N, C-alpha and C. Protein backbone atom coordinates (compact mmCIF):
# COMPACT_ATOMS: atom_id res chain seq x y z
N MET A 1 50.69 -53.41 -138.27
CA MET A 1 50.55 -53.38 -139.86
C MET A 1 52.00 -52.85 -140.43
N ASP A 2 52.39 -53.84 -141.75
CA ASP A 2 53.53 -53.96 -142.38
C ASP A 2 53.52 -52.25 -142.96
N PRO A 3 54.51 -51.38 -142.90
CA PRO A 3 54.54 -50.26 -143.35
C PRO A 3 53.99 -50.02 -144.70
N ILE A 4 54.47 -50.85 -145.91
CA ILE A 4 54.23 -50.73 -147.08
C ILE A 4 53.02 -51.10 -147.49
N HIS A 5 52.00 -51.38 -146.57
CA HIS A 5 50.65 -51.84 -146.63
C HIS A 5 49.83 -50.63 -146.11
N SER A 6 50.46 -49.70 -145.43
CA SER A 6 49.59 -48.70 -144.55
C SER A 6 50.07 -47.33 -145.00
N GLU A 7 51.29 -47.30 -145.48
CA GLU A 7 51.59 -46.00 -145.73
C GLU A 7 50.87 -45.48 -147.22
N THR A 8 50.90 -43.98 -147.37
CA THR A 8 50.42 -43.46 -148.66
C THR A 8 51.47 -43.31 -149.47
N ALA A 9 51.03 -44.08 -150.67
CA ALA A 9 51.87 -43.95 -152.01
C ALA A 9 51.05 -43.53 -153.30
N VAL A 10 52.31 -43.05 -154.10
CA VAL A 10 51.99 -42.26 -155.22
C VAL A 10 52.46 -43.35 -156.31
N TYR A 11 51.73 -44.03 -157.19
CA TYR A 11 52.15 -44.81 -158.00
C TYR A 11 51.68 -44.82 -159.61
N MET A 12 52.56 -45.22 -160.62
CA MET A 12 52.40 -45.15 -162.02
C MET A 12 52.44 -46.67 -162.36
N MET A 13 51.12 -47.25 -163.15
CA MET A 13 50.78 -48.58 -164.07
C MET A 13 50.95 -48.06 -165.20
N ALA A 14 51.41 -49.43 -166.05
CA ALA A 14 51.47 -49.32 -167.40
C ALA A 14 50.68 -50.59 -168.02
N SER A 15 50.20 -50.44 -169.47
CA SER A 15 49.95 -51.67 -170.05
C SER A 15 50.61 -52.41 -170.43
N ARG A 16 51.91 -51.85 -170.90
CA ARG A 16 53.21 -52.48 -171.32
C ARG A 16 54.28 -51.32 -171.43
N LYS A 17 55.40 -51.43 -171.81
CA LYS A 17 56.27 -50.72 -171.70
C LYS A 17 56.24 -49.57 -172.97
N HIS A 18 56.17 -48.36 -172.43
CA HIS A 18 55.79 -47.39 -173.34
C HIS A 18 54.21 -47.48 -173.73
N GLY A 19 53.41 -48.21 -172.74
CA GLY A 19 52.02 -47.88 -173.38
C GLY A 19 51.37 -47.05 -172.46
N THR A 20 49.93 -47.72 -172.09
CA THR A 20 49.11 -46.63 -171.34
C THR A 20 49.29 -46.33 -169.90
N LEU A 21 49.45 -45.35 -169.71
CA LEU A 21 49.85 -45.09 -168.18
C LEU A 21 48.82 -44.55 -167.38
N TYR A 22 48.91 -45.10 -165.99
CA TYR A 22 47.68 -44.69 -165.10
C TYR A 22 48.40 -44.18 -163.79
N ILE A 23 47.99 -42.68 -163.16
CA ILE A 23 48.86 -42.57 -161.94
C ILE A 23 47.81 -42.50 -160.84
N GLY A 24 48.21 -42.80 -159.74
CA GLY A 24 46.79 -42.94 -158.57
C GLY A 24 47.78 -42.74 -157.39
N VAL A 25 46.87 -42.62 -156.58
CA VAL A 25 47.64 -42.61 -154.72
C VAL A 25 46.43 -43.41 -153.82
N THR A 26 47.42 -43.90 -153.15
CA THR A 26 46.54 -44.91 -152.34
C THR A 26 47.10 -44.74 -150.83
N GLY A 27 46.36 -45.85 -149.65
CA GLY A 27 46.86 -45.64 -148.65
C GLY A 27 47.43 -47.23 -148.65
N THR A 28 46.84 -48.12 -149.61
CA THR A 28 47.25 -49.61 -149.22
C THR A 28 47.52 -50.16 -150.76
N LEU A 29 48.97 -49.80 -150.70
CA LEU A 29 49.55 -50.15 -152.07
C LEU A 29 49.28 -51.61 -152.74
N VAL A 30 49.31 -52.53 -151.87
CA VAL A 30 49.45 -54.07 -152.56
C VAL A 30 48.05 -54.36 -152.55
N GLN A 31 47.16 -53.68 -151.52
CA GLN A 31 45.92 -54.24 -151.98
C GLN A 31 45.26 -53.44 -153.46
N ARG A 32 45.39 -51.86 -153.27
CA ARG A 32 45.18 -51.61 -154.72
C ARG A 32 45.53 -51.91 -155.70
N ILE A 33 47.02 -52.03 -155.78
CA ILE A 33 47.37 -52.64 -157.03
C ILE A 33 46.72 -54.19 -157.15
N ASN A 34 46.94 -54.94 -156.23
CA ASN A 34 46.09 -56.19 -156.83
C ASN A 34 44.80 -56.00 -157.28
N GLU A 35 43.95 -54.69 -156.80
CA GLU A 35 42.69 -54.70 -157.41
C GLU A 35 43.03 -54.31 -158.90
N HIS A 36 43.86 -53.46 -159.13
CA HIS A 36 44.10 -53.13 -160.91
C HIS A 36 44.32 -54.54 -161.51
N ARG A 37 45.26 -55.28 -160.91
CA ARG A 37 45.85 -56.57 -161.77
C ARG A 37 44.90 -57.51 -161.74
N GLU A 38 43.77 -57.60 -161.02
CA GLU A 38 42.69 -58.55 -161.06
C GLU A 38 41.25 -57.93 -161.88
N GLY A 39 41.44 -56.82 -161.93
CA GLY A 39 40.25 -56.20 -162.82
C GLY A 39 39.18 -56.13 -161.90
N LEU A 40 39.21 -55.88 -160.35
CA LEU A 40 38.11 -56.08 -159.48
C LEU A 40 37.60 -54.78 -159.49
N ARG A 41 37.66 -53.52 -160.17
CA ARG A 41 37.13 -52.40 -160.32
C ARG A 41 37.13 -52.14 -161.54
N ALA A 42 35.65 -51.54 -161.80
CA ALA A 42 35.48 -51.24 -163.65
C ALA A 42 36.24 -49.82 -163.32
N GLY A 43 36.55 -49.29 -164.63
CA GLY A 43 37.26 -47.92 -164.54
C GLY A 43 38.52 -47.85 -165.73
N PHE A 44 39.09 -47.16 -165.53
CA PHE A 44 40.37 -46.97 -166.70
C PHE A 44 41.23 -47.99 -167.01
N THR A 45 41.90 -48.60 -165.76
CA THR A 45 42.72 -49.63 -165.48
C THR A 45 42.37 -50.81 -166.10
N LYS A 46 40.91 -51.26 -165.96
CA LYS A 46 40.58 -52.58 -166.23
C LYS A 46 40.46 -52.43 -168.06
N HIS A 47 39.56 -51.18 -168.24
CA HIS A 47 39.00 -50.72 -169.71
C HIS A 47 40.67 -51.20 -170.64
N TYR A 48 41.44 -50.44 -170.08
CA TYR A 48 42.53 -50.18 -171.00
C TYR A 48 43.79 -51.24 -170.57
N GLY A 49 43.62 -52.60 -169.70
CA GLY A 49 44.65 -53.22 -169.21
C GLY A 49 45.66 -52.82 -168.68
N VAL A 50 45.78 -51.91 -168.06
CA VAL A 50 46.96 -51.59 -167.19
C VAL A 50 46.99 -52.02 -165.81
N LYS A 51 47.96 -53.15 -165.95
CA LYS A 51 48.11 -53.93 -164.83
C LYS A 51 49.78 -54.07 -164.35
N ARG A 52 50.44 -53.24 -164.86
CA ARG A 52 51.95 -53.39 -164.52
C ARG A 52 52.67 -52.44 -163.47
N LEU A 53 52.53 -52.61 -162.07
CA LEU A 53 53.23 -51.51 -161.61
C LEU A 53 54.71 -51.05 -161.80
N VAL A 54 55.17 -49.84 -162.43
CA VAL A 54 56.35 -49.68 -162.95
C VAL A 54 56.86 -48.72 -162.16
N TRP A 55 56.26 -47.86 -161.13
CA TRP A 55 56.95 -46.73 -160.41
C TRP A 55 56.24 -46.70 -159.12
N PHE A 56 56.47 -45.84 -157.93
CA PHE A 56 56.04 -46.09 -157.12
C PHE A 56 56.82 -44.88 -155.92
N GLU A 57 56.28 -44.00 -155.19
CA GLU A 57 56.90 -43.28 -154.14
C GLU A 57 56.34 -43.00 -152.90
N ARG A 58 56.63 -43.51 -152.01
CA ARG A 58 56.15 -43.49 -150.41
C ARG A 58 55.51 -42.05 -150.06
N HIS A 59 54.53 -41.76 -149.43
CA HIS A 59 54.87 -40.47 -148.62
C HIS A 59 54.26 -40.75 -147.02
N GLU A 60 54.61 -39.54 -146.47
CA GLU A 60 54.25 -40.04 -144.93
C GLU A 60 52.73 -39.56 -144.69
N GLY A 61 52.30 -38.49 -145.48
CA GLY A 61 50.85 -38.12 -145.33
C GLY A 61 50.24 -37.96 -146.82
N VAL A 62 48.86 -38.01 -146.52
CA VAL A 62 48.03 -38.07 -147.85
C VAL A 62 47.97 -36.86 -148.44
N VAL A 63 48.10 -35.51 -147.76
CA VAL A 63 48.02 -34.15 -148.10
C VAL A 63 49.20 -34.12 -149.35
N THR A 64 50.66 -34.85 -148.78
CA THR A 64 51.44 -34.45 -149.67
C THR A 64 51.59 -35.32 -151.25
N ALA A 65 51.02 -36.79 -150.70
CA ALA A 65 50.69 -37.51 -151.60
C ALA A 65 49.84 -36.90 -153.20
N ILE A 66 48.61 -36.50 -152.31
CA ILE A 66 47.66 -36.20 -153.67
C ILE A 66 48.43 -35.15 -154.13
N GLN A 67 49.15 -34.10 -153.33
CA GLN A 67 49.80 -33.01 -154.56
C GLN A 67 50.72 -33.44 -155.25
N ARG A 68 51.24 -34.48 -154.77
CA ARG A 68 52.46 -35.15 -155.92
C ARG A 68 51.55 -35.79 -157.08
N GLU A 69 50.75 -36.37 -156.85
CA GLU A 69 49.91 -37.42 -157.88
C GLU A 69 49.36 -36.00 -158.83
N LYS A 70 48.66 -35.20 -158.39
CA LYS A 70 48.15 -34.11 -158.92
C LYS A 70 49.29 -33.36 -159.94
N SER A 71 50.50 -33.12 -159.61
CA SER A 71 51.79 -32.60 -160.23
C SER A 71 52.01 -33.61 -161.54
N LEU A 72 52.10 -34.74 -160.71
CA LEU A 72 52.82 -35.93 -162.14
C LEU A 72 51.50 -35.64 -163.13
N LYS A 73 50.54 -35.75 -162.91
CA LYS A 73 49.27 -35.74 -163.66
C LYS A 73 49.30 -34.68 -164.86
N LYS A 74 49.92 -33.56 -164.55
CA LYS A 74 50.06 -32.37 -165.11
C LYS A 74 51.45 -32.44 -166.00
N TYR A 75 52.37 -33.41 -165.73
CA TYR A 75 53.52 -33.30 -166.72
C TYR A 75 53.37 -33.95 -167.79
N PRO A 76 54.33 -33.66 -168.87
CA PRO A 76 54.24 -34.31 -170.24
C PRO A 76 54.38 -35.54 -170.00
N ARG A 77 53.84 -36.39 -170.90
CA ARG A 77 54.26 -37.99 -171.04
C ARG A 77 55.77 -38.42 -170.84
N GLN A 78 56.50 -37.44 -171.61
CA GLN A 78 57.72 -38.01 -171.86
C GLN A 78 58.56 -37.68 -170.62
N TRP A 79 58.36 -36.89 -169.66
CA TRP A 79 58.44 -36.62 -168.25
C TRP A 79 58.41 -37.70 -167.46
N LYS A 80 57.13 -38.37 -167.37
CA LYS A 80 56.63 -39.50 -167.09
C LYS A 80 57.21 -40.68 -167.13
N ILE A 81 57.66 -40.95 -168.57
CA ILE A 81 58.45 -41.98 -169.16
C ILE A 81 59.92 -41.85 -168.61
N ASN A 82 60.70 -40.66 -168.41
CA ASN A 82 61.92 -40.42 -167.90
C ASN A 82 61.76 -40.80 -166.62
N LEU A 83 61.06 -40.38 -165.64
CA LEU A 83 60.83 -40.44 -164.36
C LEU A 83 60.60 -42.37 -164.09
N ILE A 84 59.86 -42.81 -164.92
CA ILE A 84 59.90 -44.37 -164.70
C ILE A 84 61.14 -44.94 -165.05
N GLU A 85 61.79 -44.67 -165.99
CA GLU A 85 63.05 -44.91 -166.84
C GLU A 85 64.24 -44.88 -165.97
N ARG A 86 64.18 -43.49 -165.23
CA ARG A 86 65.50 -43.69 -164.45
C ARG A 86 65.41 -44.70 -163.16
N GLU A 87 64.26 -45.40 -162.83
CA GLU A 87 64.60 -46.18 -161.75
C GLU A 87 64.18 -47.72 -162.23
N ASN A 88 63.34 -47.66 -163.28
CA ASN A 88 63.10 -48.70 -163.82
C ASN A 88 63.03 -48.77 -165.31
N PRO A 89 64.29 -48.82 -165.60
CA PRO A 89 64.86 -48.96 -167.29
C PRO A 89 63.87 -49.85 -168.30
N ASN A 90 63.94 -51.20 -167.50
CA ASN A 90 62.99 -52.08 -168.54
C ASN A 90 61.56 -52.21 -168.08
N TRP A 91 61.29 -51.01 -167.13
CA TRP A 91 59.66 -51.30 -167.03
C TRP A 91 58.92 -52.32 -166.23
N ASP A 92 59.98 -53.17 -165.49
CA ASP A 92 59.86 -54.54 -164.90
C ASP A 92 58.60 -54.14 -163.86
N ASP A 93 57.29 -55.13 -163.98
CA ASP A 93 56.42 -55.04 -162.78
C ASP A 93 56.82 -55.33 -161.63
N LEU A 94 56.88 -54.09 -160.46
CA LEU A 94 57.30 -53.99 -159.28
C LEU A 94 56.40 -54.58 -158.24
N PHE A 95 55.31 -54.91 -158.84
CA PHE A 95 54.27 -56.01 -157.81
C PHE A 95 55.03 -56.90 -157.06
N PRO A 96 55.55 -57.92 -157.61
CA PRO A 96 56.20 -59.30 -157.08
C PRO A 96 56.98 -58.75 -155.62
N ALA A 97 57.85 -57.66 -156.15
CA ALA A 97 58.74 -57.24 -154.91
C ALA A 97 58.06 -56.65 -153.92
N LEU A 98 57.05 -56.28 -153.90
CA LEU A 98 56.31 -55.65 -152.48
C LEU A 98 55.75 -56.68 -152.06
N LEU A 99 55.45 -57.95 -152.51
CA LEU A 99 55.40 -59.08 -151.28
C LEU A 99 56.10 -60.00 -150.81
N LEU A 100 57.54 -59.57 -150.99
CA LEU A 100 58.73 -59.98 -150.33
C LEU A 100 58.72 -59.83 -149.01
N PRO A 101 58.91 -60.55 -147.94
CA PRO A 101 59.09 -59.98 -146.66
C PRO A 101 60.47 -59.20 -146.29
């Protein structure tokens, strides 16, 4: 299996630039982001229209990924915005690039 499809990742999604943010962790990044984008699961992202992958970080293990997710959730909103904008200043949707070979 392709590593991006099987690695654990922490990710942030947004409804738009500086919009509603969501932080999650998954072992199947492409599949999980697709679920958010298509509204396949009821919950926060579906309710608030959070469909744009704006930041992600790969981890070798689930424990470190969960620790990172929990710490990110505790940071102030502006810190999260700065983290996104450091790597993705235009808040582009990064999902299409994940699908490239």
